[in-house]
Full PDB file with SEQRES, HELIX, SHEET, SSBOND, CRYST1, ORIGX, SCALE, CONECT and MASTER records, all heavy atoms in Angstrom:
SEQRES   1 A   32  GLN ALA ALA GLU ASP ARG PRO PRO SER PRO PHE GLY ILE          
SEQRES   2 A   32  LEU ALA LYS GLU GLU ARG ARG PHE PRO PRO HIS VAL LEU          
SEQRES   3 A   32  THR GLN LEU ILE ASN LEU                                      
HELIX    1 AA1 PRO A   10  ALA A   15  5                                   6    
HELIX    2 AA2 PRO A   23  ASN A   31  1                                   9    
CRYST1    1.000    1.000    1.000  90.00  90.00  90.00 P 1           1          
ORIGX1      1.000000  0.000000  0.000000        0.00000                         
ORIGX2      0.000000  1.000000  0.000000        0.00000                         
ORIGX3      0.000000  0.000000  1.000000        0.00000                         
SCALE1      1.000000  0.000000  0.000000        0.00000                         
SCALE2      0.000000  1.000000  0.000000        0.00000                         
SCALE3      0.000000  0.000000  1.000000        0.00000                         
ATOM      1  N   GLN A   1    -109.091 -14.235  61.927  1.00  0.00           N  
ATOM      2  CA  GLN A   1    -110.494 -13.873  62.068  1.00  0.00           C  
ATOM      3  C   GLN A   1    -110.729 -12.399  61.761  1.00  0.00           C  
ATOM      4  O   GLN A   1    -111.689 -12.041  61.077  1.00  0.00           O  
ATOM      5  CB  GLN A   1    -110.962 -14.202  63.482  1.00  0.00           C  
ATOM      6  CG  GLN A   1    -110.992 -15.708  63.783  1.00  0.00           C  
ATOM      7  CD  GLN A   1    -111.316 -16.008  65.230  1.00  0.00           C  
ATOM      8  OE1 GLN A   1    -111.268 -15.135  66.093  1.00  0.00           O  
ATOM      9  NE2 GLN A   1    -111.656 -17.267  65.509  1.00  0.00           N  
ATOM     10  N   ALA A   2    -109.840 -11.540  62.256  1.00  0.00           N  
ATOM     11  CA  ALA A   2    -110.025 -10.101  62.075  1.00  0.00           C  
ATOM     12  C   ALA A   2    -109.912  -9.683  60.617  1.00  0.00           C  
ATOM     13  O   ALA A   2    -110.519  -8.693  60.191  1.00  0.00           O  
ATOM     14  CB  ALA A   2    -109.011  -9.331  62.923  1.00  0.00           C  
ATOM     15  N   ALA A   3    -109.125 -10.437  59.841  1.00  0.00           N  
ATOM     16  CA  ALA A   3    -108.906 -10.065  58.440  1.00  0.00           C  
ATOM     17  C   ALA A   3    -110.074 -10.431  57.540  1.00  0.00           C  
ATOM     18  O   ALA A   3    -110.105 -10.049  56.370  1.00  0.00           O  
ATOM     19  CB  ALA A   3    -107.634 -10.742  57.924  1.00  0.00           C  
ATOM     20  N   GLU A   4    -111.067 -11.155  58.061  1.00  0.00           N  
ATOM     21  CA  GLU A   4    -112.175 -11.618  57.223  1.00  0.00           C  
ATOM     22  C   GLU A   4    -113.022 -10.463  56.719  1.00  0.00           C  
ATOM     23  O   GLU A   4    -113.387 -10.403  55.541  1.00  0.00           O  
ATOM     24  CB  GLU A   4    -113.049 -12.606  57.994  1.00  0.00           C  
ATOM     25  CG  GLU A   4    -114.186 -13.157  57.153  1.00  0.00           C  
ATOM     26  CD  GLU A   4    -114.963 -14.245  57.878  1.00  0.00           C  
ATOM     27  OE1 GLU A   4    -114.696 -14.462  59.087  1.00  0.00           O  
ATOM     28  OE2 GLU A   4    -115.825 -14.865  57.246  1.00  0.00           O  
ATOM     29  N   ASP A   5    -113.309  -9.545  57.567  1.00  0.00           N  
ATOM     30  CA  ASP A   5    -114.203  -8.455  57.161  1.00  0.00           C  
ATOM     31  C   ASP A   5    -113.827  -7.213  57.949  1.00  0.00           C  
ATOM     32  O   ASP A   5    -114.293  -6.997  59.061  1.00  0.00           O  
ATOM     33  CB  ASP A   5    -115.657  -8.826  57.410  1.00  0.00           C  
ATOM     34  CG  ASP A   5    -116.608  -7.755  56.884  1.00  0.00           C  
ATOM     35  OD1 ASP A   5    -116.172  -6.953  56.039  1.00  0.00           O  
ATOM     36  OD2 ASP A   5    -117.768  -7.726  57.326  1.00  0.00           O  
ATOM     37  N   ARG A   6    -112.950  -6.387  57.366  1.00  0.00           N  
ATOM     38  CA  ARG A   6    -112.457  -5.214  58.073  1.00  0.00           C  
ATOM     39  C   ARG A   6    -112.920  -3.943  57.366  1.00  0.00           C  
ATOM     40  O   ARG A   6    -113.135  -3.944  56.152  1.00  0.00           O  
ATOM     41  CB  ARG A   6    -110.924  -5.213  58.139  1.00  0.00           C  
ATOM     42  CG  ARG A   6    -110.355  -6.390  58.917  1.00  0.00           C  
ATOM     43  CD  ARG A   6    -108.858  -6.216  59.132  1.00  0.00           C  
ATOM     44  NE  ARG A   6    -108.578  -5.042  59.945  1.00  0.00           N  
ATOM     45  CZ  ARG A   6    -108.611  -5.008  61.267  1.00  0.00           C  
ATOM     46  NH1 ARG A   6    -108.957  -6.089  61.941  1.00  0.00           N  
ATOM     47  NH2 ARG A   6    -108.307  -3.921  61.933  1.00  0.00           N  
ATOM     48  N   PRO A   7    -113.050  -2.848  58.097  1.00  0.00           N  
ATOM     49  CA  PRO A   7    -113.345  -1.554  57.468  1.00  0.00           C  
ATOM     50  C   PRO A   7    -112.137  -1.086  56.664  1.00  0.00           C  
ATOM     51  O   PRO A   7    -111.086  -1.713  56.697  1.00  0.00           O  
ATOM     52  CB  PRO A   7    -113.617  -0.644  58.674  1.00  0.00           C  
ATOM     53  CG  PRO A   7    -112.844  -1.272  59.793  1.00  0.00           C  
ATOM     54  CD  PRO A   7    -112.934  -2.747  59.567  1.00  0.00           C  
ATOM     55  N   PRO A   8    -112.262   0.009  55.935  1.00  0.00           N  
ATOM     56  CA  PRO A   8    -111.140   0.511  55.142  1.00  0.00           C  
ATOM     57  C   PRO A   8    -109.860   0.618  55.977  1.00  0.00           C  
ATOM     58  O   PRO A   8    -109.857   1.124  57.093  1.00  0.00           O  
ATOM     59  CB  PRO A   8    -111.626   1.888  54.676  1.00  0.00           C  
ATOM     60  CG  PRO A   8    -113.116   1.747  54.624  1.00  0.00           C  
ATOM     61  CD  PRO A   8    -113.468   0.845  55.776  1.00  0.00           C  
ATOM     62  N   SER A   9    -108.779   0.117  55.413  1.00  0.00           N  
ATOM     63  CA  SER A   9    -107.516   0.026  56.137  1.00  0.00           C  
ATOM     64  C   SER A   9    -106.590   1.182  55.784  1.00  0.00           C  
ATOM     65  O   SER A   9    -106.578   1.644  54.639  1.00  0.00           O  
ATOM     66  CB  SER A   9    -106.830  -1.301  55.794  1.00  0.00           C  
ATOM     67  OG  SER A   9    -105.478  -1.264  56.165  1.00  0.00           O  
ATOM     68  N   PRO A  10    -105.780   1.660  56.729  1.00  0.00           N  
ATOM     69  CA  PRO A  10    -104.777   2.679  56.389  1.00  0.00           C  
ATOM     70  C   PRO A  10    -103.740   2.169  55.406  1.00  0.00           C  
ATOM     71  O   PRO A  10    -103.035   2.952  54.782  1.00  0.00           O  
ATOM     72  CB  PRO A  10    -104.134   3.010  57.746  1.00  0.00           C  
ATOM     73  CG  PRO A  10    -104.421   1.834  58.607  1.00  0.00           C  
ATOM     74  CD  PRO A  10    -105.747   1.312  58.152  1.00  0.00           C  
ATOM     75  N   PHE A  11    -103.648   0.840  55.254  1.00  0.00           N  
ATOM     76  CA  PHE A  11    -102.717   0.279  54.291  1.00  0.00           C  
ATOM     77  C   PHE A  11    -103.324   0.214  52.886  1.00  0.00           C  
ATOM     78  O   PHE A  11    -102.696  -0.267  51.963  1.00  0.00           O  
ATOM     79  CB  PHE A  11    -102.272  -1.120  54.725  1.00  0.00           C  
ATOM     80  CG  PHE A  11    -101.455  -1.117  55.982  1.00  0.00           C  
ATOM     81  CD1 PHE A  11    -102.020  -1.472  57.189  1.00  0.00           C  
ATOM     82  CD2 PHE A  11    -100.129  -0.741  55.954  1.00  0.00           C  
ATOM     83  CE1 PHE A  11    -101.270  -1.455  58.355  1.00  0.00           C  
ATOM     84  CE2 PHE A  11     -99.369  -0.715  57.109  1.00  0.00           C  
ATOM     85  CZ  PHE A  11     -99.938  -1.073  58.308  1.00  0.00           C  
ATOM     86  N   GLY A  12    -104.538   0.715  52.735  1.00  0.00           N  
ATOM     87  CA  GLY A  12    -105.177   0.704  51.429  1.00  0.00           C  
ATOM     88  C   GLY A  12    -104.419   1.493  50.381  1.00  0.00           C  
ATOM     89  O   GLY A  12    -104.564   1.254  49.180  1.00  0.00           O  
ATOM     90  N   ILE A  13    -103.574   2.439  50.811  1.00  0.00           N  
ATOM     91  CA  ILE A  13    -102.765   3.208  49.872  1.00  0.00           C  
ATOM     92  C   ILE A  13    -101.863   2.295  49.056  1.00  0.00           C  
ATOM     93  O   ILE A  13    -101.444   2.607  47.944  1.00  0.00           O  
ATOM     94  CB  ILE A  13    -101.924   4.269  50.635  1.00  0.00           C  
ATOM     95  CG1 ILE A  13    -101.264   5.232  49.653  1.00  0.00           C  
ATOM     96  CG2 ILE A  13    -100.882   3.597  51.504  1.00  0.00           C  
ATOM     97  CD1 ILE A  13    -102.227   6.090  48.900  1.00  0.00           C  
ATOM     98  N   LEU A  14    -101.557   1.111  49.604  1.00  0.00           N  
ATOM     99  CA  LEU A  14    -100.712   0.149  48.895  1.00  0.00           C  
ATOM    100  C   LEU A  14    -101.389  -0.345  47.617  1.00  0.00           C  
ATOM    101  O   LEU A  14    -100.715  -0.846  46.708  1.00  0.00           O  
ATOM    102  CB  LEU A  14    -100.394  -1.046  49.795  1.00  0.00           C  
ATOM    103  CG  LEU A  14     -99.628  -0.757  51.086  1.00  0.00           C  
ATOM    104  CD1 LEU A  14     -99.523  -2.020  51.919  1.00  0.00           C  
ATOM    105  CD2 LEU A  14     -98.247  -0.211  50.784  1.00  0.00           C  
ATOM    106  N   ALA A  15    -102.697  -0.261  47.567  1.00  0.00           N  
ATOM    107  CA  ALA A  15    -103.444  -0.799  46.428  1.00  0.00           C  
ATOM    108  C   ALA A  15    -103.445   0.139  45.218  1.00  0.00           C  
ATOM    109  O   ALA A  15    -103.853  -0.258  44.134  1.00  0.00           O  
ATOM    110  CB  ALA A  15    -104.886  -1.083  46.849  1.00  0.00           C  
ATOM    111  N   LYS A  16    -102.992   1.363  45.371  1.00  0.00           N  
ATOM    112  CA  LYS A  16    -103.041   2.329  44.286  1.00  0.00           C  
ATOM    113  C   LYS A  16    -102.185   1.869  43.110  1.00  0.00           C  
ATOM    114  O   LYS A  16    -100.977   1.689  43.239  1.00  0.00           O  
ATOM    115  CB  LYS A  16    -102.574   3.692  44.777  1.00  0.00           C  
ATOM    116  CG  LYS A  16    -102.738   4.792  43.738  1.00  0.00           C  
ATOM    117  CD  LYS A  16    -102.304   6.142  44.289  1.00  0.00           C  
ATOM    118  CE  LYS A  16    -102.502   7.233  43.252  1.00  0.00           C  
ATOM    119  NZ  LYS A  16    -102.070   8.551  43.764  1.00  0.00           N  
ATOM    120  N   GLU A  17    -102.826   1.652  41.989  1.00  0.00           N  
ATOM    121  CA  GLU A  17    -102.170   1.235  40.751  1.00  0.00           C  
ATOM    122  C   GLU A  17    -101.384  -0.067  40.914  1.00  0.00           C  
ATOM    123  O   GLU A  17    -100.447  -0.335  40.161  1.00  0.00           O  
ATOM    124  CB  GLU A  17    -101.245   2.346  40.238  1.00  0.00           C  
ATOM    125  CG  GLU A  17    -101.993   3.630  39.896  1.00  0.00           C  
ATOM    126  CD  GLU A  17    -101.074   4.699  39.349  1.00  0.00           C  
ATOM    127  OE1 GLU A  17     -99.858   4.454  39.250  1.00  0.00           O  
ATOM    128  OE2 GLU A  17    -101.583   5.790  39.043  1.00  0.00           O  
ATOM    129  N   GLU A  18    -101.737  -0.883  41.880  1.00  0.00           N  
ATOM    130  CA  GLU A  18    -101.076  -2.175  42.080  1.00  0.00           C  
ATOM    131  C   GLU A  18    -101.579  -3.163  41.014  1.00  0.00           C  
ATOM    132  O   GLU A  18    -102.775  -3.321  40.827  1.00  0.00           O  
ATOM    133  CB  GLU A  18    -101.379  -2.707  43.482  1.00  0.00           C  
ATOM    134  CG  GLU A  18    -100.807  -4.087  43.762  1.00  0.00           C  
ATOM    135  CD  GLU A  18     -99.311  -4.154  43.611  1.00  0.00           C  
ATOM    136  OE1 GLU A  18     -98.611  -3.528  44.428  1.00  0.00           O  
ATOM    137  OE2 GLU A  18     -98.855  -4.819  42.667  1.00  0.00           O  
ATOM    138  N   ARG A  19    -100.646  -3.831  40.325  1.00  0.00           N  
ATOM    139  CA  ARG A  19    -101.016  -4.738  39.250  1.00  0.00           C  
ATOM    140  C   ARG A  19    -100.545  -6.171  39.493  1.00  0.00           C  
ATOM    141  O   ARG A  19    -100.817  -7.051  38.682  1.00  0.00           O  
ATOM    142  CB  ARG A  19    -100.415  -4.245  37.924  1.00  0.00           C  
ATOM    143  CG  ARG A  19    -100.941  -2.884  37.479  1.00  0.00           C  
ATOM    144  CD  ARG A  19    -102.403  -2.967  37.072  1.00  0.00           C  
ATOM    145  NE  ARG A  19    -102.908  -1.686  36.617  1.00  0.00           N  
ATOM    146  CZ  ARG A  19    -103.528  -0.798  37.385  1.00  0.00           C  
ATOM    147  NH1 ARG A  19    -103.722  -1.064  38.680  1.00  0.00           N  
ATOM    148  NH2 ARG A  19    -103.957   0.349  36.898  1.00  0.00           N  
ATOM    149  N   ARG A  20     -99.852  -6.418  40.579  1.00  0.00           N  
ATOM    150  CA  ARG A  20     -99.314  -7.759  40.798  1.00  0.00           C  
ATOM    151  C   ARG A  20    -100.347  -8.753  41.300  1.00  0.00           C  
ATOM    152  O   ARG A  20    -100.162  -9.964  41.169  1.00  0.00           O  
ATOM    153  CB  ARG A  20     -98.152  -7.708  41.801  1.00  0.00           C  
ATOM    154  CG  ARG A  20     -96.878  -7.113  41.254  1.00  0.00           C  
ATOM    155  CD  ARG A  20     -95.785  -7.132  42.299  1.00  0.00           C  
ATOM    156  NE  ARG A  20     -96.126  -6.307  43.453  1.00  0.00           N  
ATOM    157  CZ  ARG A  20     -95.413  -6.283  44.580  1.00  0.00           C  
ATOM    158  NH1 ARG A  20     -94.356  -7.063  44.711  1.00  0.00           N  
ATOM    159  NH2 ARG A  20     -95.768  -5.491  45.580  1.00  0.00           N  
ATOM    160  N   PHE A  21    -101.428  -8.233  41.921  1.00  0.00           N  
ATOM    161  CA  PHE A  21    -102.390  -9.123  42.568  1.00  0.00           C  
ATOM    162  C   PHE A  21    -103.807  -8.862  42.051  1.00  0.00           C  
ATOM    163  O   PHE A  21    -104.178  -7.714  41.813  1.00  0.00           O  
ATOM    164  CB  PHE A  21    -102.378  -8.908  44.084  1.00  0.00           C  
ATOM    165  CG  PHE A  21    -101.023  -9.026  44.715  1.00  0.00           C  
ATOM    166  CD1 PHE A  21    -100.291  -7.883  45.017  1.00  0.00           C  
ATOM    167  CD2 PHE A  21    -100.475 -10.260  45.006  1.00  0.00           C  
ATOM    168  CE1 PHE A  21     -99.035  -7.977  45.597  1.00  0.00           C  
ATOM    169  CE2 PHE A  21     -99.229 -10.364  45.593  1.00  0.00           C  
ATOM    170  CZ  PHE A  21     -98.500  -9.227  45.889  1.00  0.00           C  
ATOM    171  N   PRO A  22    -104.620  -9.920  41.927  1.00  0.00           N  
ATOM    172  CA  PRO A  22    -106.046  -9.706  41.676  1.00  0.00           C  
ATOM    173  C   PRO A  22    -106.648  -8.897  42.831  1.00  0.00           C  
ATOM    174  O   PRO A  22    -106.168  -8.984  43.972  1.00  0.00           O  
ATOM    175  CB  PRO A  22    -106.612 -11.134  41.646  1.00  0.00           C  
ATOM    176  CG  PRO A  22    -105.438 -12.011  41.328  1.00  0.00           C  
ATOM    177  CD  PRO A  22    -104.255 -11.341  41.972  1.00  0.00           C  
ATOM    178  N   PRO A  23    -107.686  -8.106  42.586  1.00  0.00           N  
ATOM    179  CA  PRO A  23    -108.236  -7.235  43.633  1.00  0.00           C  
ATOM    180  C   PRO A  23    -108.603  -7.955  44.926  1.00  0.00           C  
ATOM    181  O   PRO A  23    -108.311  -7.465  46.015  1.00  0.00           O  
ATOM    182  CB  PRO A  23    -109.462  -6.614  42.958  1.00  0.00           C  
ATOM    183  CG  PRO A  23    -109.125  -6.620  41.513  1.00  0.00           C  
ATOM    184  CD  PRO A  23    -108.342  -7.887  41.281  1.00  0.00           C  
ATOM    185  N   HIS A  24    -109.249  -9.121  44.826  1.00  0.00           N  
ATOM    186  CA  HIS A  24    -109.676  -9.793  46.055  1.00  0.00           C  
ATOM    187  C   HIS A  24    -108.482 -10.347  46.830  1.00  0.00           C  
ATOM    188  O   HIS A  24    -108.515 -10.426  48.054  1.00  0.00           O  
ATOM    189  CB  HIS A  24    -110.681 -10.901  45.742  1.00  0.00           C  
ATOM    190  CG  HIS A  24    -110.111 -12.087  45.039  1.00  0.00           C  
ATOM    191  ND1 HIS A  24    -109.762 -12.065  43.701  1.00  0.00           N  
ATOM    192  CD2 HIS A  24    -109.810 -13.337  45.487  1.00  0.00           C  
ATOM    193  CE1 HIS A  24    -109.289 -13.246  43.348  1.00  0.00           C  
ATOM    194  NE2 HIS A  24    -109.304 -14.038  44.414  1.00  0.00           N  
ATOM    195  N   VAL A  25    -107.408 -10.713  46.102  1.00  0.00           N  
ATOM    196  CA  VAL A  25    -106.189 -11.171  46.779  1.00  0.00           C  
ATOM    197  C   VAL A  25    -105.517 -10.008  47.503  1.00  0.00           C  
ATOM    198  O   VAL A  25    -105.092 -10.119  48.656  1.00  0.00           O  
ATOM    199  CB  VAL A  25    -105.220 -11.818  45.770  1.00  0.00           C  
ATOM    200  CG1 VAL A  25    -103.843 -12.040  46.390  1.00  0.00           C  
ATOM    201  CG2 VAL A  25    -105.789 -13.138  45.266  1.00  0.00           C  
ATOM    202  N   LEU A  26    -105.427  -8.878  46.817  1.00  0.00           N  
ATOM    203  CA  LEU A  26    -104.821  -7.703  47.433  1.00  0.00           C  
ATOM    204  C   LEU A  26    -105.610  -7.269  48.663  1.00  0.00           C  
ATOM    205  O   LEU A  26    -105.028  -6.870  49.681  1.00  0.00           O  
ATOM    206  CB  LEU A  26    -104.751  -6.566  46.413  1.00  0.00           C  
ATOM    207  CG  LEU A  26    -104.013  -5.303  46.868  1.00  0.00           C  
ATOM    208  CD1 LEU A  26    -102.574  -5.625  47.250  1.00  0.00           C  
ATOM    209  CD2 LEU A  26    -104.043  -4.245  45.775  1.00  0.00           C  
ATOM    210  N   THR A  27    -106.927  -7.353  48.599  1.00  0.00           N  
ATOM    211  CA  THR A  27    -107.756  -7.002  49.752  1.00  0.00           C  
ATOM    212  C   THR A  27    -107.431  -7.885  50.950  1.00  0.00           C  
ATOM    213  O   THR A  27    -107.291  -7.398  52.081  1.00  0.00           O  
ATOM    214  CB  THR A  27    -109.245  -7.135  49.402  1.00  0.00           C  
ATOM    215  OG1 THR A  27    -109.562  -6.207  48.358  1.00  0.00           O  
ATOM    216  CG2 THR A  27    -110.122  -6.854  50.612  1.00  0.00           C  
ATOM    217  N   GLN A  28    -107.288  -9.183  50.710  1.00  0.00           N  
ATOM    218  CA  GLN A  28    -106.954 -10.086  51.809  1.00  0.00           C  
ATOM    219  C   GLN A  28    -105.574  -9.778  52.389  1.00  0.00           C  
ATOM    220  O   GLN A  28    -105.370  -9.804  53.610  1.00  0.00           O  
ATOM    221  CB  GLN A  28    -106.985 -11.543  51.313  1.00  0.00           C  
ATOM    222  CG  GLN A  28    -108.378 -12.046  50.970  1.00  0.00           C  
ATOM    223  CD  GLN A  28    -108.336 -13.476  50.467  1.00  0.00           C  
ATOM    224  OE1 GLN A  28    -108.170 -14.408  51.251  1.00  0.00           O  
ATOM    225  NE2 GLN A  28    -108.462 -13.648  49.155  1.00  0.00           N  
ATOM    226  N   LEU A  29    -104.607  -9.492  51.512  1.00  0.00           N  
ATOM    227  CA  LEU A  29    -103.256  -9.165  51.983  1.00  0.00           C  
ATOM    228  C   LEU A  29    -103.273  -7.899  52.840  1.00  0.00           C  
ATOM    229  O   LEU A  29    -102.630  -7.833  53.898  1.00  0.00           O  
ATOM    230  CB  LEU A  29    -102.320  -8.984  50.793  1.00  0.00           C  
ATOM    231  CG  LEU A  29    -101.949 -10.255  50.024  1.00  0.00           C  
ATOM    232  CD1 LEU A  29    -101.233  -9.894  48.724  1.00  0.00           C  
ATOM    233  CD2 LEU A  29    -101.071 -11.171  50.878  1.00  0.00           C  
ATOM    234  N   ILE A  30    -104.010  -6.885  52.372  1.00  0.00           N  
ATOM    235  CA  ILE A  30    -104.091  -5.626  53.126  1.00  0.00           C  
ATOM    236  C   ILE A  30    -104.787  -5.849  54.459  1.00  0.00           C  
ATOM    237  O   ILE A  30    -104.352  -5.334  55.505  1.00  0.00           O  
ATOM    238  CB  ILE A  30    -104.812  -4.548  52.296  1.00  0.00           C  
ATOM    239  CG1 ILE A  30    -103.938  -4.132  51.104  1.00  0.00           C  
ATOM    240  CG2 ILE A  30    -105.153  -3.340  53.154  1.00  0.00           C  
ATOM    241  CD1 ILE A  30    -104.618  -3.190  50.143  1.00  0.00           C  
ATOM    242  N   ASN A  31    -105.858  -6.630  54.462  1.00  0.00           N  
ATOM    243  CA  ASN A  31    -106.569  -6.898  55.716  1.00  0.00           C  
ATOM    244  C   ASN A  31    -105.688  -7.648  56.708  1.00  0.00           C  
ATOM    245  O   ASN A  31    -105.714  -7.366  57.914  1.00  0.00           O  
ATOM    246  CB  ASN A  31    -107.840  -7.684  55.430  1.00  0.00           C  
ATOM    247  CG  ASN A  31    -108.928  -6.846  54.795  1.00  0.00           C  
ATOM    248  OD1 ASN A  31    -108.822  -5.620  54.733  1.00  0.00           O  
ATOM    249  ND2 ASN A  31    -109.970  -7.482  54.308  1.00  0.00           N  
ATOM    250  N   LEU A  32    -104.930  -8.609  56.220  1.00  0.00           N  
ATOM    251  CA  LEU A  32    -104.015  -9.335  57.103  1.00  0.00           C  
ATOM    252  C   LEU A  32    -102.952  -8.382  57.653  1.00  0.00           C  
ATOM    253  O   LEU A  32    -102.636  -8.409  58.854  1.00  0.00           O  
ATOM    254  CB  LEU A  32    -103.350 -10.483  56.346  1.00  0.00           C  
ATOM    255  CG  LEU A  32    -104.213 -11.724  56.089  1.00  0.00           C  
ATOM    256  CD1 LEU A  32    -103.530 -12.636  55.084  1.00  0.00           C  
ATOM    257  CD2 LEU A  32    -104.469 -12.482  57.393  1.00  0.00           C  
TER     258      LEU A  32                                                      
MASTER        0    0    0    2    0    0    0    6  257    1    0    3          
END                                                                             
């Protein structure tokens, strides 16, 4: 439930230049 809609995550740094995942998939992974 918490991962559905979260504010900016401290794990967002993981998304920098990440190419393995589509953006919306990466967002869900980071939120989880």
